[in-house]
Amino acid sequence: MSALTLRLSDQKHQRLKALAKSKGVSVNYLLDEVTTLILAEFDLKTQFEVRAQRGQGEAERGQKLLAKAKAFSAE
């Protein structure tokens, strides 16, 4: 585990302490949880961007498949 020094305004620090206290956790735990959420969001965004790049130029094929599926479901 690594240590990280974080500079915050006194107001933000007090608000974080109050939030952590209201949740019954430490500020460190609260920041660890927030960091986990931010990293998960970043990973998802990256994954979608990679998939979008892989699918570039496939719109016409996708439209044909969608039309075929609609025709099939209408039968």
PDB file of N, CA and C in Angstrom:
ATOM      1  N   MET A   1       0.852  -1.173   0.000  1.00  0.00           N
ATOM      2  CA  MET A   1       0.000   0.000   0.000  1.00  0.00           C
ATOM      3  C   MET A   1       0.896   1.234   0.000  1.00  0.00           C
ATOM      4  N   SER A   2       0.482   2.250  -0.720  1.00  0.00           N
ATOM      5  CA  SER A   2       1.258   3.488  -0.827  1.00  0.00           C
ATOM      6  C   SER A   2       0.600   4.608  -0.042  1.00  0.00           C
ATOM      7  N   ALA A   3       1.430   5.562   0.345  1.00  0.00           N
ATOM      8  CA  ALA A   3       0.923   6.762   1.019  1.00  0.00           C
ATOM      9  C   ALA A   3       0.857   7.885  -0.002  1.00  0.00           C
ATOM     10  N   LEU A   4      -0.127   8.746   0.152  1.00  0.00           N
ATOM     11  CA  LEU A   4      -0.320   9.863  -0.760  1.00  0.00           C
ATOM     12  C   LEU A   4      -0.618  11.103   0.063  1.00  0.00           C
ATOM     13  N   THR A   5       0.095  12.175  -0.219  1.00  0.00           N
ATOM     14  CA  THR A   5      -0.178  13.443   0.447  1.00  0.00           C
ATOM     15  C   THR A   5      -1.108  14.236  -0.452  1.00  0.00           C
ATOM     16  N   LEU A   6      -2.188  14.705   0.114  1.00  0.00           N
ATOM     17  CA  LEU A   6      -3.200  15.423  -0.647  1.00  0.00           C
ATOM     18  C   LEU A   6      -3.422  16.781  -0.005  1.00  0.00           C
ATOM     19  N   ARG A   7      -3.278  17.819  -0.782  1.00  0.00           N
ATOM     20  CA  ARG A   7      -3.500  19.169  -0.263  1.00  0.00           C
ATOM     21  C   ARG A   7      -4.924  19.592  -0.605  1.00  0.00           C
ATOM     22  N   LEU A   8      -5.674  19.925   0.438  1.00  0.00           N
ATOM     23  CA  LEU A   8      -7.060  20.373   0.295  1.00  0.00           C
ATOM     24  C   LEU A   8      -7.247  21.664   1.072  1.00  0.00           C
ATOM     25  N   SER A   9      -8.225  22.419   0.665  1.00  0.00           N
ATOM     26  CA  SER A   9      -8.568  23.593   1.469  1.00  0.00           C
ATOM     27  C   SER A   9      -9.117  23.100   2.808  1.00  0.00           C
ATOM     28  N   ASP A  10      -9.017  23.938   3.818  1.00  0.00           N
ATOM     29  CA  ASP A  10      -9.536  23.564   5.138  1.00  0.00           C
ATOM     30  C   ASP A  10     -11.021  23.242   5.063  1.00  0.00           C
ATOM     31  N   GLN A  11     -11.749  23.994   4.259  1.00  0.00           N
ATOM     32  CA  GLN A  11     -13.192  23.771   4.141  1.00  0.00           C
ATOM     33  C   GLN A  11     -13.489  22.383   3.562  1.00  0.00           C
ATOM     34  N   LYS A  12     -12.779  22.012   2.506  1.00  0.00           N
ATOM     35  CA  LYS A  12     -12.990  20.683   1.921  1.00  0.00           C
ATOM     36  C   LYS A  12     -12.610  19.594   2.909  1.00  0.00           C
ATOM     37  N   HIS A  13     -11.513  19.801   3.617  1.00  0.00           N
ATOM     38  CA  HIS A  13     -11.076  18.811   4.592  1.00  0.00           C
ATOM     39  C   HIS A  13     -12.134  18.606   5.674  1.00  0.00           C
ATOM     40  N   GLN A  14     -12.676  19.697   6.188  1.00  0.00           N
ATOM     41  CA  GLN A  14     -13.711  19.602   7.221  1.00  0.00           C
ATOM     42  C   GLN A  14     -14.966  18.909   6.682  1.00  0.00           C
ATOM     43  N   ARG A  15     -15.331  19.238   5.450  1.00  0.00           N
ATOM     44  CA  ARG A  15     -16.513  18.606   4.849  1.00  0.00           C
ATOM     45  C   ARG A  15     -16.294  17.111   4.646  1.00  0.00           C
ATOM     46  N   LEU A  16     -15.089  16.732   4.204  1.00  0.00           N
ATOM     47  CA  LEU A  16     -14.775  15.309   4.048  1.00  0.00           C
ATOM     48  C   LEU A  16     -14.814  14.588   5.389  1.00  0.00           C
ATOM     49  N   LYS A  17     -14.261  15.210   6.422  1.00  0.00           N
ATOM     50  CA  LYS A  17     -14.297  14.610   7.754  1.00  0.00           C
ATOM     51  C   LYS A  17     -15.737  14.413   8.215  1.00  0.00           C
ATOM     52  N   ALA A  18     -16.584  15.420   7.980  1.00  0.00           N
ATOM     53  CA  ALA A  18     -17.987  15.324   8.387  1.00  0.00           C
ATOM     54  C   ALA A  18     -18.707  14.226   7.605  1.00  0.00           C
ATOM     55  N   LEU A  19     -18.427  14.142   6.316  1.00  0.00           N
ATOM     56  CA  LEU A  19     -19.055  13.105   5.493  1.00  0.00           C
ATOM     57  C   LEU A  19     -18.621  11.718   5.945  1.00  0.00           C
ATOM     58  N   ALA A  20     -17.326  11.546   6.166  1.00  0.00           N
ATOM     59  CA  ALA A  20     -16.818  10.255   6.625  1.00  0.00           C
ATOM     60  C   ALA A  20     -17.440   9.879   7.965  1.00  0.00           C
ATOM     61  N   LYS A  21     -17.526  10.848   8.868  1.00  0.00           N
ATOM     62  CA  LYS A  21     -18.118  10.586  10.186  1.00  0.00           C
ATOM     63  C   LYS A  21     -19.578  10.170  10.048  1.00  0.00           C
ATOM     64  N   SER A  22     -20.316  10.842   9.160  1.00  0.00           N
ATOM     65  CA  SER A  22     -21.738  10.515   8.986  1.00  0.00           C
ATOM     66  C   SER A  22     -21.924   9.107   8.419  1.00  0.00           C
ATOM     67  N   LYS A  23     -20.923   8.625   7.688  1.00  0.00           N
ATOM     68  CA  LYS A  23     -20.989   7.279   7.122  1.00  0.00           C
ATOM     69  C   LYS A  23     -20.346   6.235   8.033  1.00  0.00           C
ATOM     70  N   GLY A  24     -19.729   6.715   9.109  1.00  0.00           N
ATOM     71  CA  GLY A  24     -19.097   5.797  10.056  1.00  0.00           C
ATOM     72  C   GLY A  24     -17.800   5.188   9.541  1.00  0.00           C
ATOM     73  N   VAL A  25     -17.094   5.934   8.686  1.00  0.00           N
ATOM     74  CA  VAL A  25     -15.829   5.448   8.140  1.00  0.00           C
ATOM     75  C   VAL A  25     -14.760   6.524   8.311  1.00  0.00           C
ATOM     76  N   SER A  26     -13.519   6.151   8.041  1.00  0.00           N
ATOM     77  CA  SER A  26     -12.428   7.130   8.107  1.00  0.00           C
ATOM     78  C   SER A  26     -12.357   7.910   6.796  1.00  0.00           C
ATOM     79  N   VAL A  27     -11.688   9.046   6.843  1.00  0.00           N
ATOM     80  CA  VAL A  27     -11.476   9.834   5.624  1.00  0.00           C
ATOM     81  C   VAL A  27     -10.673   9.005   4.625  1.00  0.00           C
ATOM     82  N   ASN A  28      -9.675   8.267   5.109  1.00  0.00           N
ATOM     83  CA  ASN A  28      -8.885   7.418   4.215  1.00  0.00           C
ATOM     84  C   ASN A  28      -9.768   6.402   3.499  1.00  0.00           C
ATOM     85  N   TYR A  29     -10.651   5.763   4.243  1.00  0.00           N
ATOM     86  CA  TYR A  29     -11.547   4.772   3.639  1.00  0.00           C
ATOM     87  C   TYR A  29     -12.461   5.439   2.613  1.00  0.00           C
ATOM     88  N   LEU A  30     -12.999   6.595   2.969  1.00  0.00           N
ATOM     89  CA  LEU A  30     -13.883   7.333   2.068  1.00  0.00           C
ATOM     90  C   LEU A  30     -13.158   7.672   0.762  1.00  0.00           C
ATOM     91  N   LEU A  31     -11.941   8.186   0.861  1.00  0.00           N
ATOM     92  CA  LEU A  31     -11.168   8.534  -0.335  1.00  0.00           C
ATOM     93  C   LEU A  31     -10.788   7.295  -1.139  1.00  0.00           C
ATOM     94  N   ASP A  32     -10.516   6.185  -0.461  1.00  0.00           N
ATOM     95  CA  ASP A  32     -10.224   4.937  -1.161  1.00  0.00           C
ATOM     96  C   ASP A  32     -11.440   4.483  -1.969  1.00  0.00           C
ATOM     97  N   GLU A  33     -12.623   4.578  -1.378  1.00  0.00           N
ATOM     98  CA  GLU A  33     -13.851   4.191  -2.079  1.00  0.00           C
ATOM     99  C   GLU A  33     -14.122   5.100  -3.278  1.00  0.00           C
ATOM    100  N   VAL A  34     -13.941   6.394  -3.100  1.00  0.00           N
ATOM    101  CA  VAL A  34     -14.152   7.349  -4.195  1.00  0.00           C
ATOM    102  C   VAL A  34     -13.157   7.078  -5.321  1.00  0.00           C
ATOM    103  N   THR A  35     -11.910   6.807  -4.954  1.00  0.00           N
ATOM    104  CA  THR A  35     -10.888   6.504  -5.954  1.00  0.00           C
ATOM    105  C   THR A  35     -11.254   5.245  -6.734  1.00  0.00           C
ATOM    106  N   THR A  36     -11.762   4.245  -6.049  1.00  0.00           N
ATOM    107  CA  THR A  36     -12.190   3.012  -6.712  1.00  0.00           C
ATOM    108  C   THR A  36     -13.281   3.302  -7.733  1.00  0.00           C
ATOM    109  N   LEU A  37     -14.248   4.134  -7.365  1.00  0.00           N
ATOM    110  CA  LEU A  37     -15.327   4.493  -8.292  1.00  0.00           C
ATOM    111  C   LEU A  37     -14.803   5.257  -9.502  1.00  0.00           C
ATOM    112  N   ILE A  38     -13.901   6.192  -9.269  1.00  0.00           N
ATOM    113  CA  ILE A  38     -13.340   6.985 -10.368  1.00  0.00           C
ATOM    114  C   ILE A  38     -12.570   6.081 -11.332  1.00  0.00           C
ATOM    115  N   LEU A  39     -11.770   5.167 -10.789  1.00  0.00           N
ATOM    116  CA  LEU A  39     -10.999   4.268 -11.644  1.00  0.00           C
ATOM    117  C   LEU A  39     -11.903   3.311 -12.414  1.00  0.00           C
ATOM    118  N   ALA A  40     -12.968   2.829 -11.788  1.00  0.00           N
ATOM    119  CA  ALA A  40     -13.914   1.953 -12.483  1.00  0.00           C
ATOM    120  C   ALA A  40     -14.584   2.699 -13.632  1.00  0.00           C
ATOM    121  N   GLU A  41     -14.959   3.948 -13.390  1.00  0.00           N
ATOM    122  CA  GLU A  41     -15.568   4.773 -14.439  1.00  0.00           C
ATOM    123  C   GLU A  41     -14.585   4.986 -15.591  1.00  0.00           C
ATOM    124  N   PHE A  42     -13.330   5.262 -15.273  1.00  0.00           N
ATOM    125  CA  PHE A  42     -12.304   5.453 -16.297  1.00  0.00           C
ATOM    126  C   PHE A  42     -12.109   4.174 -17.110  1.00  0.00           C
ATOM    127  N   ASP A  43     -12.048   3.024 -16.425  1.00  0.00           N
ATOM    128  CA  ASP A  43     -11.872   1.748 -17.121  1.00  0.00           C
ATOM    129  C   ASP A  43     -13.035   1.463 -18.063  1.00  0.00           C
ATOM    130  N   LEU A  44     -14.258   1.738 -17.613  1.00  0.00           N
ATOM    131  CA  LEU A  44     -15.432   1.536 -18.468  1.00  0.00           C
ATOM    132  C   LEU A  44     -15.395   2.438 -19.693  1.00  0.00           C
ATOM    133  N   LYS A  45     -15.055   3.700 -19.480  1.00  0.00           N
ATOM    134  CA  LYS A  45     -14.965   4.653 -20.588  1.00  0.00           C
ATOM    135  C   LYS A  45     -13.933   4.180 -21.602  1.00  0.00           C
ATOM    136  N   THR A  46     -12.789   3.738 -21.113  1.00  0.00           N
ATOM    137  CA  THR A  46     -11.735   3.238 -21.991  1.00  0.00           C
ATOM    138  C   THR A  46     -12.212   2.016 -22.766  1.00  0.00           C
ATOM    139  N   GLN A  47     -12.903   1.116 -22.076  1.00  0.00           N
ATOM    140  CA  GLN A  47     -13.412  -0.094 -22.723  1.00  0.00           C
ATOM    141  C   GLN A  47     -14.404   0.259 -23.831  1.00  0.00           C
ATOM    142  N   PHE A  48     -15.308   1.190 -23.574  1.00  0.00           N
ATOM    143  CA  PHE A  48     -16.270   1.599 -24.593  1.00  0.00           C
ATOM    144  C   PHE A  48     -15.583   2.284 -25.768  1.00  0.00           C
ATOM    145  N   GLU A  49     -14.562   3.084 -25.492  1.00  0.00           N
ATOM    146  CA  GLU A  49     -13.827   3.749 -26.573  1.00  0.00           C
ATOM    147  C   GLU A  49     -13.121   2.730 -27.460  1.00  0.00           C
ATOM    148  N   VAL A  50     -12.534   1.696 -26.853  1.00  0.00           N
ATOM    149  CA  VAL A  50     -11.871   0.642 -27.627  1.00  0.00           C
ATOM    150  C   VAL A  50     -12.896  -0.087 -28.491  1.00  0.00           C
ATOM    151  N   ARG A  51     -14.050  -0.412 -27.914  1.00  0.00           N
ATOM    152  CA  ARG A  51     -15.099  -1.088 -28.683  1.00  0.00           C
ATOM    153  C   ARG A  51     -15.610  -0.210 -29.816  1.00  0.00           C
ATOM    154  N   ALA A  52     -15.746   1.078 -29.549  1.00  0.00           N
ATOM    155  CA  ALA A  52     -16.217   2.003 -30.584  1.00  0.00           C
ATOM    156  C   ALA A  52     -15.217   2.062 -31.732  1.00  0.00           C
ATOM    157  N   GLN A  53     -13.922   2.095 -31.412  1.00  0.00           N
ATOM    158  CA  GLN A  53     -12.893   2.105 -32.454  1.00  0.00           C
ATOM    159  C   GLN A  53     -12.958   0.826 -33.283  1.00  0.00           C
ATOM    160  N   ARG A  54     -13.164  -0.292 -32.606  1.00  0.00           N
ATOM    161  CA  ARG A  54     -13.240  -1.574 -33.291  1.00  0.00           C
ATOM    162  C   ARG A  54     -14.443  -1.627 -34.229  1.00  0.00           C
ATOM    163  N   GLY A  55     -15.506  -0.943 -33.858  1.00  0.00           N
ATOM    164  CA  GLY A  55     -16.742  -0.984 -34.636  1.00  0.00           C
ATOM    165  C   GLY A  55     -16.880   0.121 -35.659  1.00  0.00           C
ATOM    166  N   GLN A  56     -15.882   0.997 -35.770  1.00  0.00           N
ATOM    167  CA  GLN A  56     -15.985   2.090 -36.740  1.00  0.00           C
ATOM    168  C   GLN A  56     -16.122   1.512 -38.141  1.00  0.00           C
ATOM    169  N   GLY A  57     -17.029   2.112 -38.914  1.00  0.00           N
ATOM    170  CA  GLY A  57     -17.257   1.642 -40.273  1.00  0.00           C
ATOM    171  C   GLY A  57     -18.235   0.487 -40.348  1.00  0.00           C
ATOM    172  N   GLU A  58     -18.764   0.067 -39.227  1.00  0.00           N
ATOM    173  CA  GLU A  58     -19.687  -1.058 -39.187  1.00  0.00           C
ATOM    174  C   GLU A  58     -21.141  -0.613 -39.082  1.00  0.00           C
ATOM    175  N   ALA A  59     -21.396   0.682 -39.194  1.00  0.00           N
ATOM    176  CA  ALA A  59     -22.758   1.193 -39.023  1.00  0.00           C
ATOM    177  C   ALA A  59     -23.702   0.619 -40.072  1.00  0.00           C
ATOM    178  N   GLU A  60     -23.253   0.568 -41.310  1.00  0.00           N
ATOM    179  CA  GLU A  60     -24.118   0.052 -42.382  1.00  0.00           C
ATOM    180  C   GLU A  60     -24.465  -1.414 -42.130  1.00  0.00           C
ATOM    181  N   ARG A  61     -23.484  -2.189 -41.746  1.00  0.00           N
ATOM    182  CA  ARG A  61     -23.728  -3.605 -41.441  1.00  0.00           C
ATOM    183  C   ARG A  61     -24.705  -3.732 -40.273  1.00  0.00           C
ATOM    184  N   GLY A  62     -24.525  -2.892 -39.265  1.00  0.00           N
ATOM    185  CA  GLY A  62     -25.429  -2.914 -38.114  1.00  0.00           C
ATOM    186  C   GLY A  62     -26.850  -2.543 -38.493  1.00  0.00           C
ATOM    187  N   GLN A  63     -27.002  -1.553 -39.370  1.00  0.00           N
ATOM    188  CA  GLN A  63     -28.339  -1.154 -39.827  1.00  0.00           C
ATOM    189  C   GLN A  63     -29.016  -2.296 -40.580  1.00  0.00           C
ATOM    190  N   LYS A  64     -28.262  -3.011 -41.404  1.00  0.00           N
ATOM    191  CA  LYS A  64     -28.824  -4.150 -42.146  1.00  0.00           C
ATOM    192  C   LYS A  64     -29.267  -5.252 -41.190  1.00  0.00           C
ATOM    193  N   LEU A  65     -28.444  -5.529 -40.191  1.00  0.00           N
ATOM    194  CA  LEU A  65     -28.813  -6.550 -39.207  1.00  0.00           C
ATOM    195  C   LEU A  65     -30.054  -6.140 -38.422  1.00  0.00           C
ATOM    196  N   LEU A  66     -30.144  -4.860 -38.075  1.00  0.00           N
ATOM    197  CA  LEU A  66     -31.304  -4.359 -37.352  1.00  0.00           C
ATOM    198  C   LEU A  66     -32.560  -4.481 -38.201  1.00  0.00           C
ATOM    199  N   ALA A  67     -32.470  -4.114 -39.479  1.00  0.00           N
ATOM    200  CA  ALA A  67     -33.618  -4.229 -40.389  1.00  0.00           C
ATOM    201  C   ALA A  67     -34.035  -5.686 -40.530  1.00  0.00           C
ATOM    202  N   LYS A  68     -33.060  -6.575 -40.620  1.00  0.00           N
ATOM    203  CA  LYS A  68     -33.348  -8.008 -40.741  1.00  0.00           C
ATOM    204  C   LYS A  68     -34.061  -8.517 -39.481  1.00  0.00           C
ATOM    205  N   ALA A  69     -33.600  -8.075 -38.313  1.00  0.00           N
ATOM    206  CA  ALA A  69     -34.222  -8.486 -37.052  1.00  0.00           C
ATOM    207  C   ALA A  69     -35.644  -7.957 -36.943  1.00  0.00           C
ATOM    208  N   LYS A  70     -35.865  -6.710 -37.385  1.00  0.00           N
ATOM    209  CA  LYS A  70     -37.211  -6.136 -37.353  1.00  0.00           C
ATOM    210  C   LYS A  70     -38.140  -6.898 -38.282  1.00  0.00           C
ATOM    211  N   ALA A  71     -37.651  -7.248 -39.466  1.00  0.00           N
ATOM    212  CA  ALA A  71     -38.464  -7.999 -40.425  1.00  0.00           C
ATOM    213  C   ALA A  71     -38.800  -9.374 -39.866  1.00  0.00           C
ATOM    214  N   PHE A  72     -37.841 -10.003 -39.208  1.00  0.00           N
ATOM    215  CA  PHE A  72     -38.054 -11.322 -38.629  1.00  0.00           C
ATOM    216  C   PHE A  72     -39.089 -11.271 -37.514  1.00  0.00           C
ATOM    217  N   SER A  73     -39.025 -10.245 -36.680  1.00  0.00           N
ATOM    218  CA  SER A  73     -39.960 -10.144 -35.554  1.00  0.00           C
ATOM    219  C   SER A  73     -41.359  -9.746 -36.008  1.00  0.00           C
ATOM    220  N   ALA A  74     -41.476  -9.164 -37.208  1.00  0.00           N
ATOM    221  CA  ALA A  74     -42.782  -8.760 -37.732  1.00  0.00           C
ATOM    222  C   ALA A  74     -43.541  -9.945 -38.316  1.00  0.00           C
ATOM    223  N   GLU A  75     -42.835 -11.031 -38.602  1.00  0.00           N
ATOM    224  CA  GLU A  75     -43.482 -12.211 -39.213  1.00  0.00           C
ATOM    225  C   GLU A  75     -44.364 -12.943 -38.250  1.00  0.00           C
TER     226      GLU A  75
END
